[in-house]
Amino acid sequence: MPSTSPIAIMPRRAPSASMLMLFFVLIAILFLSACTHPKPTQANVPPPPPPAESTEPTEASPATNLPPSKPAPKPREPKPSGSKPSEEAPAEADLAEPTLPADALPIATETGLASWYGPPYHNRRGSNGEIYNMHAMTAAHRTYPLGSIVRVTNVKTGATVLVRITDRGPFIPGRVVDLSLAAAKKLDVYQPGVAQVKVELMQSAASIGSPGKWAVQIGGFPHQPAATKLADHLKRRYRTAQVLCFSSPAGDWWIRIRVLDDDHARAQKLAAETQTPEGSVFLVRLD
């Protein structure tokens, strides 16, 4: 019988110390690699620049140091051909002689001396409220309604001119009309200064039956004290009247008396009974 030898069973060997040391080394390497992993780089980006300051004022901080903005000038529109002249130059129609119907007849006629006036009355407001232009065909009259058209004839030369009444005067006895410079030149009155004329009311600005507004004008006085003294006397005498003392562009002094209700009969009566140490007394229509 064959002999059977027993199989030797080798006992399991315990892990050696070198293996354990290698294991711990690997663990340490893994730990160190995890701790020393490079962190992501952070870029140091500078902050954005502050926004530019607005040049326009705001409610929180008004820009008081900025000059006020000027509106852009409007473009000038081209003028069509045949357009009217600009207002800077006087329109020819304003300087032209007034016109009348061909069948116009005189309403009233008077004769006397004509004179003319320019500076210092030029560019000053006249009795009708308009600015007096000595280059226009106008005249001053004491009693014809303002706005009336008058024909004036030079008795000596026969020259005639049509003028519009825009002012009051002349305030010199014997003179019946005061012409503008333009009218005086056309009527041959400019050079001599005065001339005998015939004045015809051709077109009245008021109806024939219109009562009108009337006053009395006294003057002129070369000095204010004489005018003031007479004005004070008239105020005490005519308590219902308005007495005004004023100076003219020529430098002399005048008195104007407006009677109650601007009545023609009252003004005529006051003019007849009033005497003055200087100047003269005139009946004047205001409208």
Protein backbone atom coordinates (compact mmCIF):
# COMPACT_ATOMS: atom_id res chain seq x y z
CA MET A 1 0.00 0.00 0.00
CA PRO A 2 1.53 3.06 -1.06
CA SER A 3 2.44 5.20 1.60
CA THR A 4 0.65 8.51 1.93
CA SER A 5 2.63 11.35 3.27
CA PRO A 6 0.71 14.14 4.93
CA ILE A 7 0.42 17.54 2.97
CA ALA A 8 2.03 20.25 4.91
CA ILE A 9 -0.22 23.28 5.27
CA MET A 10 1.75 26.47 5.35
CA PRO A 11 0.53 29.00 7.82
CA ARG A 12 -0.66 32.52 6.32
CA ARG A 13 2.07 35.01 6.70
CA ALA A 14 1.23 38.33 8.36
CA PRO A 15 1.95 41.50 6.28
CA SER A 16 5.46 42.51 6.69
CA ALA A 17 6.56 45.82 8.13
CA SER A 18 7.87 47.01 4.77
CA MET A 19 4.42 46.70 3.24
CA LEU A 20 2.84 48.70 5.99
CA MET A 21 5.45 51.38 5.59
CA LEU A 22 4.77 51.60 1.84
CA PHE A 23 1.03 51.91 2.49
CA PHE A 24 1.48 54.77 4.90
CA VAL A 25 3.83 56.53 2.47
CA LEU A 26 1.22 56.34 -0.30
CA ILE A 27 -1.44 57.76 2.04
CA ALA A 28 0.84 60.61 2.99
CA ILE A 29 1.61 61.43 -0.65
CA LEU A 30 -2.09 61.53 -1.51
CA PHE A 31 -2.83 63.82 1.45
CA LEU A 32 -0.03 66.20 0.62
CA SER A 33 -1.03 66.38 -3.02
CA ALA A 34 -4.59 67.32 -2.03
CA CYS A 35 -3.39 70.10 0.30
CA THR A 36 -0.97 71.61 -2.18
CA HIS A 37 -3.39 71.73 -5.21
CA PRO A 38 -3.00 75.17 -6.86
CA LYS A 39 -5.95 77.55 -6.33
CA PRO A 40 -7.51 79.40 -9.35
CA THR A 41 -5.86 82.72 -10.09
CA GLN A 42 -7.95 85.91 -9.32
CA ALA A 43 -7.45 88.77 -11.78
CA ASN A 44 -7.10 92.18 -10.11
CA VAL A 45 -9.48 94.13 -12.42
CA PRO A 46 -9.67 97.89 -11.62
CA PRO A 47 -13.15 99.34 -11.08
CA PRO A 48 -14.77 101.07 -14.08
CA PRO A 49 -14.23 104.85 -14.35
CA PRO A 50 -17.01 107.04 -12.93
CA PRO A 51 -19.60 108.21 -15.50
CA ALA A 52 -18.88 111.56 -17.18
CA GLU A 53 -20.61 114.53 -15.51
CA SER A 54 -23.62 115.76 -17.44
CA THR A 55 -23.50 119.31 -18.73
CA GLU A 56 -27.24 119.73 -18.23
CA PRO A 57 -28.66 120.70 -14.82
CA THR A 58 -30.49 118.08 -12.79
CA GLU A 59 -32.96 118.46 -9.97
CA ALA A 60 -30.46 117.17 -7.40
CA SER A 61 -27.56 119.41 -8.41
CA PRO A 62 -28.50 122.33 -10.67
CA ALA A 63 -25.69 123.55 -12.87
CA THR A 64 -25.80 127.18 -11.84
CA ASN A 65 -22.38 128.00 -13.27
CA LEU A 66 -23.36 127.15 -16.81
CA PRO A 67 -24.46 130.04 -19.08
CA PRO A 68 -28.08 129.87 -20.22
CA SER A 69 -28.40 128.13 -23.50
CA LYS A 70 -29.54 130.35 -26.34
CA PRO A 71 -32.16 129.08 -28.76
CA ALA A 72 -30.89 128.40 -32.18
CA PRO A 73 -31.72 131.27 -34.54
CA LYS A 74 -34.54 130.57 -36.91
CA PRO A 75 -33.53 130.51 -40.53
CA ARG A 76 -34.75 133.52 -42.46
CA GLU A 77 -37.37 132.61 -44.95
CA PRO A 78 -36.70 133.82 -48.46
CA LYS A 79 -39.07 136.56 -49.57
CA PRO A 80 -41.02 135.89 -52.73
CA SER A 81 -40.59 138.23 -55.61
CA GLY A 82 -42.93 141.17 -55.54
CA SER A 83 -43.26 141.11 -51.73
CA LYS A 84 -43.85 144.26 -49.70
CA PRO A 85 -40.85 146.23 -48.33
CA SER A 86 -39.69 145.47 -44.81
CA GLU A 87 -41.01 147.40 -41.85
CA GLU A 88 -37.56 148.87 -41.18
CA ALA A 89 -38.00 151.36 -44.02
CA PRO A 90 -41.13 153.53 -44.04
CA ALA A 91 -43.67 152.24 -46.50
CA GLU A 92 -44.24 154.52 -49.44
CA ALA A 93 -47.99 154.29 -48.87
CA ASP A 94 -47.57 155.93 -45.44
CA LEU A 95 -45.69 158.87 -46.97
CA ALA A 96 -47.83 159.29 -50.06
CA GLU A 97 -50.35 162.06 -50.58
CA PRO A 98 -53.91 161.01 -49.69
CA THR A 99 -56.44 160.55 -52.47
CA LEU A 100 -59.99 161.78 -52.96
CA PRO A 101 -62.91 160.81 -55.18
CA ALA A 102 -62.99 162.73 -58.43
CA ASP A 103 -66.30 164.39 -57.51
CA ALA A 104 -65.25 165.50 -54.01
CA LEU A 105 -66.34 169.04 -53.13
CA PRO A 106 -65.11 171.34 -50.31
CA ILE A 107 -67.06 171.16 -47.05
CA ALA A 108 -65.50 174.30 -45.54
CA THR A 109 -62.99 176.91 -46.69
CA GLU A 110 -60.73 179.40 -44.92
CA THR A 111 -57.70 181.53 -45.82
CA GLY A 112 -54.68 182.57 -43.83
CA LEU A 113 -51.01 181.85 -43.33
CA ALA A 114 -49.48 178.39 -43.58
CA SER A 115 -46.28 177.42 -41.80
CA TRP A 116 -44.45 174.12 -41.38
CA TYR A 117 -42.93 172.15 -38.50
CA GLY A 118 -40.28 169.45 -38.29
CA PRO A 119 -37.67 169.02 -35.54
CA PRO A 120 -38.07 168.90 -32.57
CA TYR A 121 -41.54 167.41 -33.20
CA HIS A 122 -40.33 164.71 -35.62
CA ASN A 123 -40.73 161.15 -34.25
CA ARG A 124 -42.91 162.40 -31.38
CA ARG A 125 -46.48 161.37 -30.75
CA GLY A 126 -49.08 163.66 -32.32
CA SER A 127 -52.57 164.56 -31.17
CA ASN A 128 -54.09 161.55 -32.97
CA GLY A 129 -51.78 159.12 -31.17
CA GLU A 130 -49.54 158.45 -34.17
CA ILE A 131 -45.81 159.16 -34.30
CA TYR A 132 -45.32 162.31 -36.33
CA ASN A 133 -43.23 161.82 -39.47
CA MET A 134 -42.24 165.08 -41.08
CA HIS A 135 -41.67 163.24 -44.38
CA ALA A 136 -45.33 162.21 -44.63
CA MET A 137 -48.08 164.33 -46.21
CA THR A 138 -49.77 165.52 -43.01
CA ALA A 139 -50.66 168.78 -41.29
CA ALA A 140 -51.88 170.31 -38.04
CA HIS A 141 -55.14 172.23 -37.70
CA ARG A 142 -56.84 173.58 -34.59
CA THR A 143 -60.49 172.71 -35.31
CA TYR A 144 -60.87 170.21 -38.18
CA PRO A 145 -61.51 166.62 -36.97
CA LEU A 146 -58.41 164.48 -36.72
CA GLY A 147 -58.06 162.23 -39.73
CA SER A 148 -59.76 164.66 -42.12
CA ILE A 149 -58.32 165.32 -45.58
CA VAL A 150 -57.61 168.93 -46.49
CA ARG A 151 -56.57 170.57 -49.74
CA VAL A 152 -54.16 173.46 -49.32
CA THR A 153 -53.46 175.90 -52.16
CA ASN A 154 -50.62 178.41 -52.27
CA VAL A 155 -52.39 181.63 -53.29
CA LYS A 156 -49.25 183.09 -54.89
CA THR A 157 -47.88 180.09 -56.84
CA GLY A 158 -51.06 178.06 -57.34
CA ALA A 159 -49.38 174.90 -56.01
CA THR A 160 -51.77 172.50 -54.25
CA VAL A 161 -51.35 169.57 -51.92
CA LEU A 162 -53.63 167.11 -50.13
CA VAL A 163 -52.77 166.42 -46.50
CA ARG A 164 -54.25 164.43 -43.63
CA ILE A 165 -54.89 166.21 -40.31
CA THR A 166 -52.98 164.36 -37.59
CA ASP A 167 -52.08 167.08 -35.08
CA ARG A 168 -53.23 170.32 -33.45
CA GLY A 169 -51.83 173.76 -34.25
CA PRO A 170 -50.54 176.20 -35.27
CA PHE A 171 -50.74 178.20 -32.04
CA ILE A 172 -49.76 181.53 -33.51
CA PRO A 173 -52.42 184.14 -34.34
CA GLY A 174 -53.13 184.51 -38.06
CA ARG A 175 -51.88 181.05 -39.02
CA VAL A 176 -54.48 178.49 -40.06
CA VAL A 177 -52.46 175.35 -40.87
CA ASP A 178 -49.08 173.87 -39.95
CA LEU A 179 -47.66 171.66 -42.72
CA SER A 180 -45.23 168.77 -42.52
CA LEU A 181 -41.82 169.25 -44.11
CA ALA A 182 -42.80 167.16 -47.15
CA ALA A 183 -46.04 169.10 -47.70
CA ALA A 184 -44.26 172.44 -47.22
CA LYS A 185 -41.74 171.57 -49.93
CA LYS A 186 -44.46 170.61 -52.39
CA LEU A 187 -46.46 173.76 -51.61
CA ASP A 188 -43.51 176.18 -51.91
CA VAL A 189 -43.69 177.04 -48.20
CA TYR A 190 -40.43 175.43 -47.11
CA GLN A 191 -38.07 178.20 -48.19
CA PRO A 192 -40.08 181.29 -47.12
CA GLY A 193 -41.33 179.60 -43.92
CA VAL A 194 -44.86 181.02 -44.25
CA ALA A 195 -47.18 181.68 -47.20
CA GLN A 196 -50.72 182.82 -47.83
CA VAL A 197 -52.92 179.79 -48.50
CA LYS A 198 -56.48 178.66 -49.00
CA VAL A 199 -57.49 175.66 -46.87
CA GLU A 200 -60.42 173.48 -47.98
CA LEU A 201 -61.86 170.69 -45.86
CA MET A 202 -62.47 168.00 -48.50
CA GLN A 203 -63.24 164.94 -46.37
CA SER A 204 -64.23 165.09 -42.71
CA ALA A 205 -63.37 162.27 -40.30
CA ALA A 206 -66.49 163.12 -38.26
CA SER A 207 -70.08 163.61 -39.26
CA ILE A 208 -71.30 167.14 -39.81
CA GLY A 209 -73.53 167.07 -36.75
CA SER A 210 -70.89 165.58 -34.43
CA PRO A 211 -70.44 167.89 -31.40
CA GLY A 212 -66.81 166.92 -30.85
CA LYS A 213 -64.66 167.45 -27.78
CA TRP A 214 -63.36 170.97 -27.18
CA ALA A 215 -60.84 172.73 -24.97
CA VAL A 216 -59.00 176.03 -24.61
CA GLN A 217 -55.22 176.29 -25.01
CA ILE A 218 -53.20 179.28 -23.82
CA GLY A 219 -49.58 180.07 -24.58
CA GLY A 220 -46.84 179.86 -25.18
CA PHE A 221 -45.04 181.14 -22.12
CA PRO A 222 -41.25 181.40 -22.28
CA HIS A 223 -40.98 180.72 -18.54
CA GLN A 224 -42.80 178.27 -16.28
CA PRO A 225 -43.66 180.66 -13.35
CA ALA A 226 -45.91 182.82 -15.54
CA ALA A 227 -47.75 179.76 -16.87
CA THR A 228 -48.14 178.26 -13.39
CA LYS A 229 -49.48 181.53 -11.97
CA LEU A 230 -52.18 181.81 -14.63
CA ALA A 231 -53.05 178.11 -14.32
CA ASP A 232 -53.61 178.48 -10.55
CA HIS A 233 -55.85 181.49 -11.19
CA LEU A 234 -57.93 179.54 -13.74
CA LYS A 235 -58.29 176.58 -11.35
CA ARG A 236 -59.81 178.84 -8.72
CA ARG A 237 -62.09 180.56 -11.24
CA TYR A 238 -63.33 177.47 -13.14
CA ARG A 239 -63.73 174.81 -10.48
CA THR A 240 -65.47 172.33 -12.81
CA ALA A 241 -62.74 172.54 -15.44
CA GLN A 242 -59.50 170.56 -15.65
CA VAL A 243 -56.48 172.85 -15.94
CA LEU A 244 -53.20 171.37 -17.12
CA CYS A 245 -49.84 173.15 -17.32
CA PHE A 246 -47.21 171.50 -19.52
CA SER A 247 -44.10 172.17 -21.60
CA SER A 248 -43.78 171.61 -25.34
CA PRO A 249 -40.87 169.95 -27.20
CA ALA A 250 -39.75 173.46 -28.17
CA GLY A 251 -39.24 174.33 -24.49
CA ASP A 252 -42.06 176.85 -23.96
CA TRP A 253 -44.99 176.38 -21.55
CA TRP A 254 -48.71 175.99 -22.23
CA ILE A 255 -52.02 175.76 -20.40
CA ARG A 256 -54.89 173.57 -21.53
CA ILE A 257 -58.35 173.90 -20.01
CA ARG A 258 -60.89 171.12 -20.50
CA VAL A 259 -64.35 172.41 -19.71
CA LEU A 260 -67.19 170.32 -18.31
CA ASP A 261 -68.26 167.58 -20.77
CA ASP A 262 -65.75 169.01 -23.32
CA ASP A 263 -68.66 171.15 -24.49
CA HIS A 264 -68.07 173.45 -27.47
CA ALA A 265 -70.22 176.33 -26.17
CA ARG A 266 -68.54 176.28 -22.73
CA ALA A 267 -65.07 176.21 -24.29
CA GLN A 268 -65.94 179.03 -26.67
CA LYS A 269 -67.28 181.18 -23.82
CA LEU A 270 -64.20 180.53 -21.66
CA ALA A 271 -61.87 181.43 -24.55
CA ALA A 272 -63.74 184.70 -25.14
CA GLU A 273 -63.55 185.87 -21.51
CA THR A 274 -59.97 184.77 -20.77
CA GLN A 275 -57.02 187.14 -21.05
CA THR A 276 -53.36 186.29 -20.80
CA PRO A 277 -50.31 188.50 -20.17
CA GLU A 278 -48.25 186.35 -22.56
CA GLY A 279 -49.10 184.28 -25.59
CA SER A 280 -52.61 183.89 -26.97
CA VAL A 281 -55.87 182.04 -26.31
CA PHE A 282 -57.04 179.38 -28.79
CA LEU A 283 -60.15 177.24 -29.15
CA VAL A 284 -59.04 173.67 -29.88
CA ARG A 285 -60.85 170.51 -30.90
CA LEU A 286 -59.50 167.42 -29.14
CA ASP A 287 -60.90 164.64 -31.36
